[in-house]
């Protein structure tokens, strides 16, 4: 319980930043290229008269930019001609097949190598460019676990909230996740995965379409997650949300986005009742938002809450 509260509290203090896990791997044996794996970003031997040594690797290198710079460095030399060089690639130390290269997403977190070898017999050359990508916004690259454990129900908000709690690096993106996968206009979707025998929900596929300029979306790609639904029985009579709110002044909030306000409201009023978390995030809505106030109200048809309450807050000032 204290762990979850600490997670919720951090929402009001963290600013958005990308936190992701970098995939690692050991280099395989190089049979075709008889050199040791390089210990630095750029390793060039041969290719006399070119500017390949001057090609720079930057953090989170973009492959298309690197390819263009390599080709530019070969212009005006014997290696500008077609078939004068042979290109190969590795991802996390594993050499990629041609069909893999053709569909490779160079923005995924990994360690990559672009290897250029001369095919001109009397003009040897080997250039190896090594770089890491650590800023991937593919949803799978931003999950530390895909098993989110037991949840009360299989509603979208319940699934996403549990996903965030099990992957704390997602906390700064709580509003973006809501905009993308729940709110109208987002380019994401959540598709339940059912047990074929019992038809019980055992997981979900979280997907994003290709982003257009008008789309609400931060993450891309898709990932499958797993969980176990342990249902909760609603009370005989819904609680009046006004009666449950002991602290309508919820203090400082990060900003006036819906989930920033909702999480601060939950922290202020339900820190001893976090067993209600799934119904709080699913059955409450926030309307009439201003720079200093908002209204929390029960959604129509809620089995858990009725009524509404006005709350006040202060927006966190920048440091």
C-alpha atoms as a PDB file:
ATOM      1  CA  UNK A   1       0.000   0.000   0.000  1.00  0.00           C
ATOM      2  CA  UNK A   2       2.787   2.435   0.921  1.00  0.00           C
ATOM      3  CA  UNK A   3       4.575   1.581  -2.320  1.00  0.00           C
ATOM      4  CA  UNK A   4       1.534   2.472  -4.416  1.00  0.00           C
ATOM      5  CA  UNK A   5       1.056   5.697  -2.478  1.00  0.00           C
ATOM      6  CA  UNK A   6       4.671   6.638  -3.095  1.00  0.00           C
ATOM      7  CA  UNK A   7       4.151   6.001  -6.808  1.00  0.00           C
ATOM      8  CA  UNK A   8       1.066   8.185  -6.889  1.00  0.00           C
ATOM      9  CA  UNK A   9       2.781  10.956  -4.970  1.00  0.00           C
ATOM     10  CA  UNK A  10       5.624  11.029  -7.451  1.00  0.00           C
ATOM     11  CA  UNK A  11       3.184  11.928 -10.244  1.00  0.00           C
ATOM     12  CA  UNK A  12       2.872  15.421  -8.836  1.00  0.00           C
ATOM     13  CA  UNK A  13       6.632  15.979  -8.770  1.00  0.00           C
ATOM     14  CA  UNK A  14       8.043  14.256 -11.831  1.00  0.00           C
ATOM     15  CA  UNK A  15       8.367  16.059 -15.125  1.00  0.00           C
ATOM     16  CA  UNK A  16       8.030  14.211 -18.416  1.00  0.00           C
ATOM     17  CA  UNK A  17      11.175  12.479 -19.534  1.00  0.00           C
ATOM     18  CA  UNK A  18      11.932   9.355 -21.411  1.00  0.00           C
ATOM     19  CA  UNK A  19      12.939   6.453 -19.223  1.00  0.00           C
ATOM     20  CA  UNK A  20      13.587   3.280 -21.034  1.00  0.00           C
ATOM     21  CA  UNK A  21      15.533   0.094 -20.818  1.00  0.00           C
ATOM     22  CA  UNK A  22      18.415  -0.396 -23.219  1.00  0.00           C
ATOM     23  CA  UNK A  23      18.627  -3.845 -24.655  1.00  0.00           C
ATOM     24  CA  UNK A  24      22.092  -5.358 -24.389  1.00  0.00           C
ATOM     25  CA  UNK A  25      23.836  -8.270 -25.998  1.00  0.00           C
ATOM     26  CA  UNK A  26      27.292  -9.712 -26.421  1.00  0.00           C
ATOM     27  CA  UNK A  27      29.047  -9.553 -29.786  1.00  0.00           C
ATOM     28  CA  UNK A  28      29.012 -12.716 -31.829  1.00  0.00           C
ATOM     29  CA  UNK A  29      32.012 -14.205 -33.646  1.00  0.00           C
ATOM     30  CA  UNK A  30      32.928 -12.307 -36.784  1.00  0.00           C
ATOM     31  CA  UNK A  31      33.679 -14.903 -39.459  1.00  0.00           C
ATOM     32  CA  UNK A  32      33.520 -12.686 -42.488  1.00  0.00           C
ATOM     33  CA  UNK A  33      35.466  -9.700 -41.155  1.00  0.00           C
ATOM     34  CA  UNK A  34      38.755 -10.738 -39.571  1.00  0.00           C
ATOM     35  CA  UNK A  35      39.052  -7.936 -37.014  1.00  0.00           C
ATOM     36  CA  UNK A  36      38.258  -7.618 -33.331  1.00  0.00           C
ATOM     37  CA  UNK A  37      35.018  -5.837 -32.414  1.00  0.00           C
ATOM     38  CA  UNK A  38      35.751  -2.114 -32.057  1.00  0.00           C
ATOM     39  CA  UNK A  39      35.761  -0.476 -28.642  1.00  0.00           C
ATOM     40  CA  UNK A  40      34.883   2.957 -30.013  1.00  0.00           C
ATOM     41  CA  UNK A  41      32.201   4.574 -32.157  1.00  0.00           C
ATOM     42  CA  UNK A  42      34.122   4.826 -35.436  1.00  0.00           C
ATOM     43  CA  UNK A  43      36.786   2.386 -36.652  1.00  0.00           C
ATOM     44  CA  UNK A  44      38.180   2.893 -40.167  1.00  0.00           C
ATOM     45  CA  UNK A  45      41.069   1.055 -41.802  1.00  0.00           C
ATOM     46  CA  UNK A  46      42.016   1.433 -45.456  1.00  0.00           C
ATOM     47  CA  UNK A  47      39.641   3.457 -47.617  1.00  0.00           C
ATOM     48  CA  UNK A  48      42.557   5.776 -48.435  1.00  0.00           C
ATOM     49  CA  UNK A  49      41.535   9.170 -49.778  1.00  0.00           C
ATOM     50  CA  UNK A  50      38.043   9.151 -48.209  1.00  0.00           C
ATOM     51  CA  UNK A  51      36.583  11.138 -45.329  1.00  0.00           C
ATOM     52  CA  UNK A  52      35.073   8.107 -43.585  1.00  0.00           C
ATOM     53  CA  UNK A  53      37.128   8.726 -40.433  1.00  0.00           C
ATOM     54  CA  UNK A  54      35.524  12.150 -40.106  1.00  0.00           C
ATOM     55  CA  UNK A  55      31.966  10.803 -39.970  1.00  0.00           C
ATOM     56  CA  UNK A  56      30.777  11.467 -36.419  1.00  0.00           C
ATOM     57  CA  UNK A  57      28.444   9.387 -34.280  1.00  0.00           C
ATOM     58  CA  UNK A  58      26.015  11.308 -32.078  1.00  0.00           C
ATOM     59  CA  UNK A  59      23.802  10.159 -29.220  1.00  0.00           C
ATOM     60  CA  UNK A  60      20.743   8.300 -30.524  1.00  0.00           C
ATOM     61  CA  UNK A  61      22.166   8.410 -34.027  1.00  0.00           C
ATOM     62  CA  UNK A  62      19.622   8.454 -36.866  1.00  0.00           C
ATOM     63  CA  UNK A  63      20.508   5.758 -39.397  1.00  0.00           C
ATOM     64  CA  UNK A  64      19.371   7.710 -42.472  1.00  0.00           C
ATOM     65  CA  UNK A  65      21.628  10.603 -41.480  1.00  0.00           C
ATOM     66  CA  UNK A  66      24.572   8.265 -40.907  1.00  0.00           C
ATOM     67  CA  UNK A  67      24.016   6.492 -44.239  1.00  0.00           C
ATOM     68  CA  UNK A  68      23.900   9.829 -46.048  1.00  0.00           C
ATOM     69  CA  UNK A  69      27.137  10.993 -44.405  1.00  0.00           C
ATOM     70  CA  UNK A  70      28.920   7.741 -45.287  1.00  0.00           C
ATOM     71  CA  UNK A  71      27.849   8.000 -48.929  1.00  0.00           C
ATOM     72  CA  UNK A  72      28.925  11.632 -49.003  1.00  0.00           C
ATOM     73  CA  UNK A  73      32.361  10.648 -47.651  1.00  0.00           C
ATOM     74  CA  UNK A  74      32.754   8.161 -50.527  1.00  0.00           C
ATOM     75  CA  UNK A  75      31.883  10.638 -53.271  1.00  0.00           C
ATOM     76  CA  UNK A  76      34.678  11.378 -55.734  1.00  0.00           C
ATOM     77  CA  UNK A  77      36.519   8.141 -54.882  1.00  0.00           C
ATOM     78  CA  UNK A  78      36.667   4.661 -56.352  1.00  0.00           C
ATOM     79  CA  UNK A  79      34.099   3.574 -53.759  1.00  0.00           C
ATOM     80  CA  UNK A  80      31.423   5.843 -55.175  1.00  0.00           C
ATOM     81  CA  UNK A  81      30.798   3.238 -57.890  1.00  0.00           C
ATOM     82  CA  UNK A  82      28.030   0.676 -57.497  1.00  0.00           C
ATOM     83  CA  UNK A  83      29.127  -2.666 -56.004  1.00  0.00           C
ATOM     84  CA  UNK A  84      32.453  -1.198 -54.826  1.00  0.00           C
ATOM     85  CA  UNK A  85      31.377  -1.622 -51.218  1.00  0.00           C
ATOM     86  CA  UNK A  86      29.538  -4.251 -49.230  1.00  0.00           C
ATOM     87  CA  UNK A  87      27.347  -3.135 -46.335  1.00  0.00           C
ATOM     88  CA  UNK A  88      26.330  -5.255 -43.356  1.00  0.00           C
ATOM     89  CA  UNK A  89      24.614  -4.530 -40.054  1.00  0.00           C
ATOM     90  CA  UNK A  90      24.362  -5.846 -36.505  1.00  0.00           C
ATOM     91  CA  UNK A  91      21.832  -5.263 -33.758  1.00  0.00           C
ATOM     92  CA  UNK A  92      22.991  -6.043 -30.226  1.00  0.00           C
ATOM     93  CA  UNK A  93      25.937  -7.885 -31.717  1.00  0.00           C
ATOM     94  CA  UNK A  94      23.865 -10.169 -33.958  1.00  0.00           C
ATOM     95  CA  UNK A  95      24.353  -9.855 -37.704  1.00  0.00           C
ATOM     96  CA  UNK A  96      21.126  -9.026 -39.489  1.00  0.00           C
ATOM     97  CA  UNK A  97      19.838 -10.871 -42.526  1.00  0.00           C
ATOM     98  CA  UNK A  98      18.951  -8.813 -45.586  1.00  0.00           C
ATOM     99  CA  UNK A  99      15.231  -9.321 -45.091  1.00  0.00           C
ATOM    100  CA  UNK A 100      15.602  -8.098 -41.503  1.00  0.00           C
ATOM    101  CA  UNK A 101      17.480  -4.994 -42.620  1.00  0.00           C
ATOM    102  CA  UNK A 102      14.738  -4.110 -45.075  1.00  0.00           C
ATOM    103  CA  UNK A 103      12.148  -3.802 -42.298  1.00  0.00           C
ATOM    104  CA  UNK A 104      14.440  -2.708 -39.458  1.00  0.00           C
ATOM    105  CA  UNK A 105      13.175   0.046 -37.178  1.00  0.00           C
ATOM    106  CA  UNK A 106      16.345   1.964 -36.362  1.00  0.00           C
ATOM    107  CA  UNK A 107      14.568   3.924 -33.607  1.00  0.00           C
ATOM    108  CA  UNK A 108      14.196   0.894 -31.291  1.00  0.00           C
ATOM    109  CA  UNK A 109      16.477   0.745 -28.250  1.00  0.00           C
ATOM    110  CA  UNK A 110      19.587  -1.294 -29.106  1.00  0.00           C
ATOM    111  CA  UNK A 111      23.287  -1.167 -29.962  1.00  0.00           C
ATOM    112  CA  UNK A 112      23.754  -1.030 -33.721  1.00  0.00           C
ATOM    113  CA  UNK A 113      26.705  -1.365 -36.081  1.00  0.00           C
ATOM    114  CA  UNK A 114      26.899  -0.281 -39.698  1.00  0.00           C
ATOM    115  CA  UNK A 115      29.806  -2.029 -41.414  1.00  0.00           C
ATOM    116  CA  UNK A 116      31.156  -0.954 -44.800  1.00  0.00           C
ATOM    117  CA  UNK A 117      33.722  -3.194 -46.520  1.00  0.00           C
ATOM    118  CA  UNK A 118      35.608  -2.518 -49.741  1.00  0.00           C
ATOM    119  CA  UNK A 119      35.068  -5.047 -52.546  1.00  0.00           C
ATOM    120  CA  UNK A 120      37.909  -3.626 -54.685  1.00  0.00           C
ATOM    121  CA  UNK A 121      40.737  -6.173 -54.508  1.00  0.00           C
ATOM    122  CA  UNK A 122      43.664  -3.753 -54.622  1.00  0.00           C
ATOM    123  CA  UNK A 123      41.946  -1.096 -52.487  1.00  0.00           C
ATOM    124  CA  UNK A 124      41.164  -2.595 -49.051  1.00  0.00           C
ATOM    125  CA  UNK A 125      38.919  -0.863 -46.594  1.00  0.00           C
ATOM    126  CA  UNK A 126      36.817  -1.552 -43.539  1.00  0.00           C
ATOM    127  CA  UNK A 127      34.684   1.026 -41.698  1.00  0.00           C
ATOM    128  CA  UNK A 128      32.614   0.183 -38.628  1.00  0.00           C
ATOM    129  CA  UNK A 129      30.198   2.629 -37.008  1.00  0.00           C
ATOM    130  CA  UNK A 130      28.793   1.673 -33.614  1.00  0.00           C
ATOM    131  CA  UNK A 131      25.998   3.556 -31.869  1.00  0.00           C
ATOM    132  CA  UNK A 132      23.335   3.159 -29.194  1.00  0.00           C
ATOM    133  CA  UNK A 133      19.700   4.213 -29.407  1.00  0.00           C
ATOM    134  CA  UNK A 134      18.240   4.856 -25.966  1.00  0.00           C
ATOM    135  CA  UNK A 135      15.304   7.184 -26.633  1.00  0.00           C
ATOM    136  CA  UNK A 136      12.859   4.788 -28.303  1.00  0.00           C
ATOM    137  CA  UNK A 137       9.176   5.629 -27.910  1.00  0.00           C
ATOM    138  CA  UNK A 138       8.071   2.168 -28.980  1.00  0.00           C
ATOM    139  CA  UNK A 139       5.726   1.039 -26.214  1.00  0.00           C
ATOM    140  CA  UNK A 140       7.533  -2.307 -25.819  1.00  0.00           C
ATOM    141  CA  UNK A 141      10.871  -0.565 -25.212  1.00  0.00           C
ATOM    142  CA  UNK A 142       9.365   1.399 -22.335  1.00  0.00           C
ATOM    143  CA  UNK A 143       8.030  -1.566 -20.346  1.00  0.00           C
ATOM    144  CA  UNK A 144      10.131  -3.257 -17.689  1.00  0.00           C
ATOM    145  CA  UNK A 145       7.499  -5.957 -17.253  1.00  0.00           C
ATOM    146  CA  UNK A 146       4.523  -7.063 -19.320  1.00  0.00           C
ATOM    147  CA  UNK A 147       2.894  -9.060 -16.503  1.00  0.00           C
ATOM    148  CA  UNK A 148       0.872  -6.570 -14.473  1.00  0.00           C
ATOM    149  CA  UNK A 149      -0.475  -9.088 -11.942  1.00  0.00           C
ATOM    150  CA  UNK A 150      -3.971  -9.084 -10.451  1.00  0.00           C
ATOM    151  CA  UNK A 151      -6.490  -6.393 -11.391  1.00  0.00           C
ATOM    152  CA  UNK A 152     -10.109  -5.812 -10.346  1.00  0.00           C
ATOM    153  CA  UNK A 153     -11.593  -5.766 -13.848  1.00  0.00           C
ATOM    154  CA  UNK A 154     -10.599  -5.557 -17.494  1.00  0.00           C
ATOM    155  CA  UNK A 155     -11.663  -1.973 -18.179  1.00  0.00           C
ATOM    156  CA  UNK A 156      -9.158   0.109 -20.126  1.00  0.00           C
ATOM    157  CA  UNK A 157      -8.339   2.529 -17.318  1.00  0.00           C
ATOM    158  CA  UNK A 158      -7.821  -0.302 -14.848  1.00  0.00           C
ATOM    159  CA  UNK A 159      -5.414  -2.018 -17.244  1.00  0.00           C
ATOM    160  CA  UNK A 160      -3.442   1.137 -17.998  1.00  0.00           C
ATOM    161  CA  UNK A 161      -3.217   2.208 -14.355  1.00  0.00           C
ATOM    162  CA  UNK A 162      -1.881  -1.217 -13.373  1.00  0.00           C
ATOM    163  CA  UNK A 163       0.555  -1.071 -16.278  1.00  0.00           C
ATOM    164  CA  UNK A 164       1.867   2.277 -15.027  1.00  0.00           C
ATOM    165  CA  UNK A 165       2.223   1.013 -11.456  1.00  0.00           C
ATOM    166  CA  UNK A 166       4.259  -1.968 -12.649  1.00  0.00           C
ATOM    167  CA  UNK A 167       6.374   0.243 -14.935  1.00  0.00           C
ATOM    168  CA  UNK A 168       7.124   3.308 -12.851  1.00  0.00           C
ATOM    169  CA  UNK A 169       9.123   4.939 -15.648  1.00  0.00           C
ATOM    170  CA  UNK A 170       5.742   5.559 -17.331  1.00  0.00           C
ATOM    171  CA  UNK A 171       4.471   7.766 -14.496  1.00  0.00           C
ATOM    172  CA  UNK A 172       5.475  11.050 -16.171  1.00  0.00           C
ATOM    173  CA  UNK A 173       3.398   9.999 -19.198  1.00  0.00           C
ATOM    174  CA  UNK A 174       0.139   9.298 -17.373  1.00  0.00           C
ATOM    175  CA  UNK A 175      -1.737  12.054 -19.203  1.00  0.00           C
ATOM    176  CA  UNK A 176      -0.203  11.196 -22.580  1.00  0.00           C
ATOM    177  CA  UNK A 177      -1.130   7.529 -22.100  1.00  0.00           C
ATOM    178  CA  UNK A 178      -4.703   8.514 -21.304  1.00  0.00           C
ATOM    179  CA  UNK A 179      -4.885  10.820 -24.344  1.00  0.00           C
ATOM    180  CA  UNK A 180      -3.498   8.154 -26.655  1.00  0.00           C
ATOM    181  CA  UNK A 181      -5.294   5.012 -25.515  1.00  0.00           C
ATOM    182  CA  UNK A 182      -8.493   6.173 -23.790  1.00  0.00           C
ATOM    183  CA  UNK A 183      -9.601   9.667 -24.731  1.00  0.00           C
ATOM    184  CA  UNK A 184     -11.245  10.501 -28.088  1.00  0.00           C
ATOM    185  CA  UNK A 185      -8.789  11.468 -30.813  1.00  0.00           C
ATOM    186  CA  UNK A 186      -5.980   9.204 -29.679  1.00  0.00           C
ATOM    187  CA  UNK A 187      -4.288   6.867 -32.136  1.00  0.00           C
ATOM    188  CA  UNK A 188      -3.980   3.948 -29.717  1.00  0.00           C
ATOM    189  CA  UNK A 189      -6.186   1.019 -28.810  1.00  0.00           C
ATOM    190  CA  UNK A 190      -6.483  -1.725 -26.192  1.00  0.00           C
ATOM    191  CA  UNK A 191      -7.703  -5.134 -27.377  1.00  0.00           C
ATOM    192  CA  UNK A 192      -8.483  -7.775 -24.763  1.00  0.00           C
ATOM    193  CA  UNK A 193      -6.926 -11.231 -25.045  1.00  0.00           C
ATOM    194  CA  UNK A 194      -9.274 -13.999 -23.930  1.00  0.00           C
ATOM    195  CA  UNK A 195      -8.717 -17.512 -22.658  1.00  0.00           C
ATOM    196  CA  UNK A 196     -10.177 -19.584 -25.535  1.00  0.00           C
ATOM    197  CA  UNK A 197     -11.715 -22.115 -23.142  1.00  0.00           C
ATOM    198  CA  UNK A 198     -13.235 -19.828 -20.498  1.00  0.00           C
ATOM    199  CA  UNK A 199     -13.428 -16.539 -22.445  1.00  0.00           C
ATOM    200  CA  UNK A 200     -11.947 -14.810 -19.394  1.00  0.00           C
ATOM    201  CA  UNK A 201      -9.669 -11.856 -20.060  1.00  0.00           C
ATOM    202  CA  UNK A 202      -6.041 -12.892 -19.491  1.00  0.00           C
ATOM    203  CA  UNK A 203      -4.257 -10.014 -21.166  1.00  0.00           C
ATOM    204  CA  UNK A 204      -4.419  -7.223 -23.673  1.00  0.00           C
ATOM    205  CA  UNK A 205      -2.724  -6.004 -26.826  1.00  0.00           C
ATOM    206  CA  UNK A 206      -1.819  -2.328 -26.596  1.00  0.00           C
ATOM    207  CA  UNK A 207      -1.359  -0.874 -30.073  1.00  0.00           C
ATOM    208  CA  UNK A 208      -0.685   2.440 -31.778  1.00  0.00           C
ATOM    209  CA  UNK A 209      -1.253   3.385 -35.385  1.00  0.00           C
ATOM    210  CA  UNK A 210       1.306   5.325 -37.390  1.00  0.00           C
ATOM    211  CA  UNK A 211       1.265   8.901 -36.125  1.00  0.00           C
ATOM    212  CA  UNK A 212      -0.149  11.712 -38.203  1.00  0.00           C
ATOM    213  CA  UNK A 213       0.258  15.370 -37.361  1.00  0.00           C
ATOM    214  CA  UNK A 214      -3.275  15.563 -35.959  1.00  0.00           C
ATOM    215  CA  UNK A 215      -3.040  12.415 -33.827  1.00  0.00           C
ATOM    216  CA  UNK A 216      -2.757  12.383 -30.061  1.00  0.00           C
ATOM    217  CA  UNK A 217       0.044   9.928 -29.539  1.00  0.00           C
ATOM    218  CA  UNK A 218       3.346   9.656 -27.727  1.00  0.00           C
ATOM    219  CA  UNK A 219       4.119   5.958 -28.116  1.00  0.00           C
ATOM    220  CA  UNK A 220       4.257   3.782 -31.210  1.00  0.00           C
ATOM    221  CA  UNK A 221       4.133   0.087 -31.984  1.00  0.00           C
ATOM    222  CA  UNK A 222       2.328  -2.638 -30.074  1.00  0.00           C
ATOM    223  CA  UNK A 223       2.910  -4.997 -27.167  1.00  0.00           C
ATOM    224  CA  UNK A 224       0.985  -7.772 -25.445  1.00  0.00           C
ATOM    225  CA  UNK A 225       0.621  -7.740 -21.658  1.00  0.00           C
ATOM    226  CA  UNK A 226      -0.818 -10.322 -19.269  1.00  0.00           C
ATOM    227  CA  UNK A 227      -2.876 -10.102 -16.074  1.00  0.00           C
ATOM    228  CA  UNK A 228      -5.345 -11.972 -13.890  1.00  0.00           C
ATOM    229  CA  UNK A 229      -8.777 -10.518 -13.212  1.00  0.00           C
ATOM    230  CA  UNK A 230      -9.946 -10.917  -9.615  1.00  0.00           C
ATOM    231  CA  UNK A 231     -13.429  -9.317  -9.607  1.00  0.00           C
ATOM    232  CA  UNK A 232     -14.604  -6.962  -6.892  1.00  0.00           C
ATOM    233  CA  UNK A 233     -18.217  -6.768  -5.775  1.00  0.00           C
ATOM    234  CA  UNK A 234     -19.746  -3.260  -5.758  1.00  0.00           C
ATOM    235  CA  UNK A 235     -21.363  -1.985  -2.537  1.00  0.00           C
ATOM    236  CA  UNK A 236     -25.094  -2.341  -1.956  1.00  0.00           C
ATOM    237  CA  UNK A 237     -25.432   1.433  -2.139  1.00  0.00           C
ATOM    238  CA  UNK A 238     -23.054   3.794  -4.026  1.00  0.00           C
ATOM    239  CA  UNK A 239     -21.038   6.247  -1.921  1.00  0.00           C
ATOM    240  CA  UNK A 240     -21.663   9.969  -2.305  1.00  0.00           C
ATOM    241  CA  UNK A 241     -18.338  11.348  -3.516  1.00  0.00           C
ATOM    242  CA  UNK A 242     -18.931  14.580  -1.605  1.00  0.00           C
ATOM    243  CA  UNK A 243     -19.176  12.630   1.669  1.00  0.00           C
ATOM    244  CA  UNK A 244     -15.926  10.790   0.922  1.00  0.00           C
ATOM    245  CA  UNK A 245     -13.972  13.978   0.220  1.00  0.00           C
ATOM    246  CA  UNK A 246     -12.373  15.206   3.429  1.00  0.00           C
ATOM    247  CA  UNK A 247      -9.876  17.511   1.705  1.00  0.00           C
ATOM    248  CA  UNK A 248     -11.432  19.433  -1.207  1.00  0.00           C
ATOM    249  CA  UNK A 249      -8.300  21.614  -1.336  1.00  0.00           C
ATOM    250  CA  UNK A 250      -5.869  19.125  -2.865  1.00  0.00           C
ATOM    251  CA  UNK A 251      -2.816  21.401  -2.730  1.00  0.00           C
ATOM    252  CA  UNK A 252      -0.276  21.722  -5.521  1.00  0.00           C
ATOM    253  CA  UNK A 253      -0.778  19.952  -8.861  1.00  0.00           C
ATOM    254  CA  UNK A 254       1.727  19.582 -11.689  1.00  0.00           C
ATOM    255  CA  UNK A 255      -0.672  21.035 -14.271  1.00  0.00           C
ATOM    256  CA  UNK A 256      -4.395  21.150 -15.097  1.00  0.00           C
ATOM    257  CA  UNK A 257      -4.541  17.991 -17.161  1.00  0.00           C
ATOM    258  CA  UNK A 258      -7.215  15.541 -16.002  1.00  0.00           C
ATOM    259  CA  UNK A 259      -5.013  12.816 -14.603  1.00  0.00           C
ATOM    260  CA  UNK A 260      -2.663  15.202 -12.822  1.00  0.00           C
ATOM    261  CA  UNK A 261      -5.689  16.555 -10.948  1.00  0.00           C
ATOM    262  CA  UNK A 262      -7.263  13.132 -10.375  1.00  0.00           C
ATOM    263  CA  UNK A 263      -4.092  11.600  -8.923  1.00  0.00           C
ATOM    264  CA  UNK A 264      -3.595  14.540  -6.563  1.00  0.00           C
ATOM    265  CA  UNK A 265      -7.227  14.246  -5.494  1.00  0.00           C
ATOM    266  CA  UNK A 266      -6.781  10.522  -4.777  1.00  0.00           C
ATOM    267  CA  UNK A 267      -3.575  11.122  -2.815  1.00  0.00           C
ATOM    268  CA  UNK A 268      -5.269  13.790  -0.686  1.00  0.00           C
ATOM    269  CA  UNK A 269      -8.460  11.883   0.062  1.00  0.00           C
ATOM    270  CA  UNK A 270      -7.926   8.142  -0.389  1.00  0.00           C
ATOM    271  CA  UNK A 271      -4.434   7.394   0.896  1.00  0.00           C
ATOM    272  CA  UNK A 272      -5.902   4.847   3.308  1.00  0.00           C
ATOM    273  CA  UNK A 273      -8.387   3.447   0.791  1.00  0.00           C
ATOM    274  CA  UNK A 274      -6.288   2.578  -2.227  1.00  0.00           C
ATOM    275  CA  UNK A 275      -8.271  -0.621  -2.614  1.00  0.00           C
ATOM    276  CA  UNK A 276     -10.757   1.705  -4.319  1.00  0.00           C
ATOM    277  CA  UNK A 277      -8.210   2.706  -6.940  1.00  0.00           C
ATOM    278  CA  UNK A 278      -9.772   0.933  -9.935  1.00  0.00           C
ATOM    279  CA  UNK A 279     -13.221   2.413  -9.304  1.00  0.00           C
ATOM    280  CA  UNK A 280     -11.759   5.842  -8.579  1.00  0.00           C
ATOM    281  CA  UNK A 281      -9.978   6.045 -11.947  1.00  0.00           C
ATOM    282  CA  UNK A 282     -12.867   4.449 -13.859  1.00  0.00           C
ATOM    283  CA  UNK A 283     -15.969   5.899 -12.219  1.00  0.00           C
ATOM    284  CA  UNK A 284     -14.910   9.500 -11.597  1.00  0.00           C
ATOM    285  CA  UNK A 285     -14.703  12.244 -14.186  1.00  0.00           C
ATOM    286  CA  UNK A 286     -13.231  15.753 -13.976  1.00  0.00           C
ATOM    287  CA  UNK A 287     -15.095  18.707 -15.462  1.00  0.00           C
ATOM    288  CA  UNK A 288     -15.172  22.521 -15.183  1.00  0.00           C
ATOM    289  CA  UNK A 289     -11.367  22.715 -14.984  1.00  0.00           C
ATOM    290  CA  UNK A 290      -9.879  26.168 -14.343  1.00  0.00           C
ATOM    291  CA  UNK A 291      -6.427  27.283 -13.222  1.00  0.00           C
ATOM    292  CA  UNK A 292      -7.465  26.916  -9.578  1.00  0.00           C
ATOM    293  CA  UNK A 293     -10.449  24.553  -9.403  1.00  0.00           C
ATOM    294  CA  UNK A 294     -12.375  21.660 -10.907  1.00  0.00           C
ATOM    295  CA  UNK A 295     -15.377  19.443 -10.263  1.00  0.00           C
ATOM    296  CA  UNK A 296     -15.038  15.733  -9.519  1.00  0.00           C
ATOM    297  CA  UNK A 297     -18.208  13.840 -10.416  1.00  0.00           C
ATOM    298  CA  UNK A 298     -19.383  10.239 -10.605  1.00  0.00           C
ATOM    299  CA  UNK A 299     -19.961   8.943 -14.104  1.00  0.00           C
ATOM    300  CA  UNK A 300     -23.470   8.004 -15.133  1.00  0.00           C
ATOM    301  CA  UNK A 301     -24.368   4.456 -14.119  1.00  0.00           C
ATOM    302  CA  UNK A 302     -21.542   4.034 -11.612  1.00  0.00           C
ATOM    303  CA  UNK A 303     -22.172   1.273  -9.080  1.00  0.00           C
ATOM    304  CA  UNK A 304     -19.618   2.774  -6.719  1.00  0.00           C
ATOM    305  CA  UNK A 305     -20.192   6.534  -6.554  1.00  0.00           C
ATOM    306  CA  UNK A 306     -22.876   9.171  -6.943  1.00  0.00           C
ATOM    307  CA  UNK A 307     -22.820  12.963  -6.821  1.00  0.00           C
ATOM    308  CA  UNK A 308     -20.012  15.469  -7.278  1.00  0.00           C
ATOM    309  CA  UNK A 309     -17.657  17.709  -5.343  1.00  0.00           C
ATOM    310  CA  UNK A 310     -15.844  20.944  -6.146  1.00  0.00           C
ATOM    311  CA  UNK A 311     -12.120  20.956  -5.447  1.00  0.00           C
ATOM    312  CA  UNK A 312      -9.413  23.628  -5.448  1.00  0.00           C
ATOM    313  CA  UNK A 313      -5.678  23.498  -6.082  1.00  0.00           C
ATOM    314  CA  UNK A 314      -2.585  25.485  -6.994  1.00  0.00           C
ATOM    315  CA  UNK A 315      -0.514  24.873 -10.102  1.00  0.00           C
ATOM    316  CA  UNK A 316       3.119  24.059  -9.384  1.00  0.00           C
ATOM    317  CA  UNK A 317       5.364  26.977 -10.241  1.00  0.00           C
ATOM    318  CA  UNK A 318       8.425  26.224 -12.421  1.00  0.00           C
ATOM    319  CA  UNK A 319      11.719  26.031 -10.580  1.00  0.00           C
END
